[in-house]
Amino acid sequence: MATLCGEMRQQLGGWMGGSEKRAAIYAEGRSGLARDVAILSEMLVASGCEVEIRPYRRSKRFDRLFALGARYLPRIPTYDLQVFVERFDVRMLPFGKKNVFLPNQEWFDPRSERLLIGFDALMCRSEHAAEIFRAKHRRVGHFVFTGVDRSISPAPPRTRILHVASHSKFKGTQQLLDIWTRNPAWPTLTVTHAAGVAAPVQLANVEQHIGFFDDAKIRQLQNEAWLHIQTSEVEAFGHCFVEAMSCHGVVITTDAPPMNEIVTTDVGALVPADDGPPLNLGRRYSARPEDLERIIADMLRLDETARQAMASRSRQRFDSLDRQAREVFRREFVKLLSE
């Protein structure tokens, strides 16, 4: 990592002119977006930028006027680069020499499509998102994103089966609990989720944590799990998969985009899914319960040698995705800021 950061600074030296560039990142404070912001900030700092994290403010009136003005009127050079994650306030666009939007298709309001004209570029973290937005903006890039390395050392024994849902009702939590209800002889499933995501259960082989759960405790559980079951209906990127792989976890997820862009059969299993209703510009996908139950049963029959082999490949895939993400980020953002 240190070598890569040094190479980035050296390459950026030409257009930086020996001084730091100023960058601002705008995002809401939700957990998934907080991870996005932390990773983007780290990448920009490694690229030689001074980074300021700004709260997202909802834009209300004159959006169209500000969007057009941001493209055609002189800009106020407060920041060399502004990055907006998931949502944006067009009133802030004139303050950036370059403005980039990182959209999440399932939370993007189609009524805001007309405002995208104000951005210099859209950067998508999955090919699925890039395909959606290429018809909506003149410049759409795709860079494989990365996640937080949640591994701890020394690593604890990996014996758990884990499902983490947080506040999302789109993680397939209830479906998974229903399957465990039908299989009382299976090993214990550990589940963490907010109240209202799924119904409480009283099962001998389910350890259910409802409500606030400290992040340090979740990280411990992630490292104690050999199998992570995350059959999401929809994902913007998929931090839960990437974090699982960083912990040498074998992952079961839905065979639908963008989930199947991250998880491959080398590191886990993909569950056939049925198309569900649209969600803004995205779509929900439902893992077929009979296939999910069969795949879990197959995983539980793996011997320790097979588990360890998949765990090793999982961590290797995390390292590969992380390295690729940082290299593409450097190339694309250096190119944009050099124009």
Foldseek 3Di string as FASTA:
>chain_A
DVVLLVVLCVVLCVVCVPAAFEEEEEDADDDVVVQVVVQVVVLSVSNRHDYDYDYADDADPPLLVLLVCLQPPAAQAQGQEYEYEQDHHSVCSSNYVAYEYEHQQLSDAPVCLSSVSSHPEYEYQFVVVQVLCVVRDVHYHYFNAAGDLLADPPFDAADAEEEEDEADLFQCVQLVVVLCVVPLPDAAYEYEYEPPSYDDDDHPRYHYHYHDDDPVVVSNNLSNHQEYEGAGQGDSRCNVLLNSLSSLHQYEYAPDPPVCVQDDVLQYYHAYWDWADGRRRRTTTGGDSVRVSVRVVVVVPDDPVSSNSSSVVSNVSNVVSNVRNSVVVSVVVSVVSSD
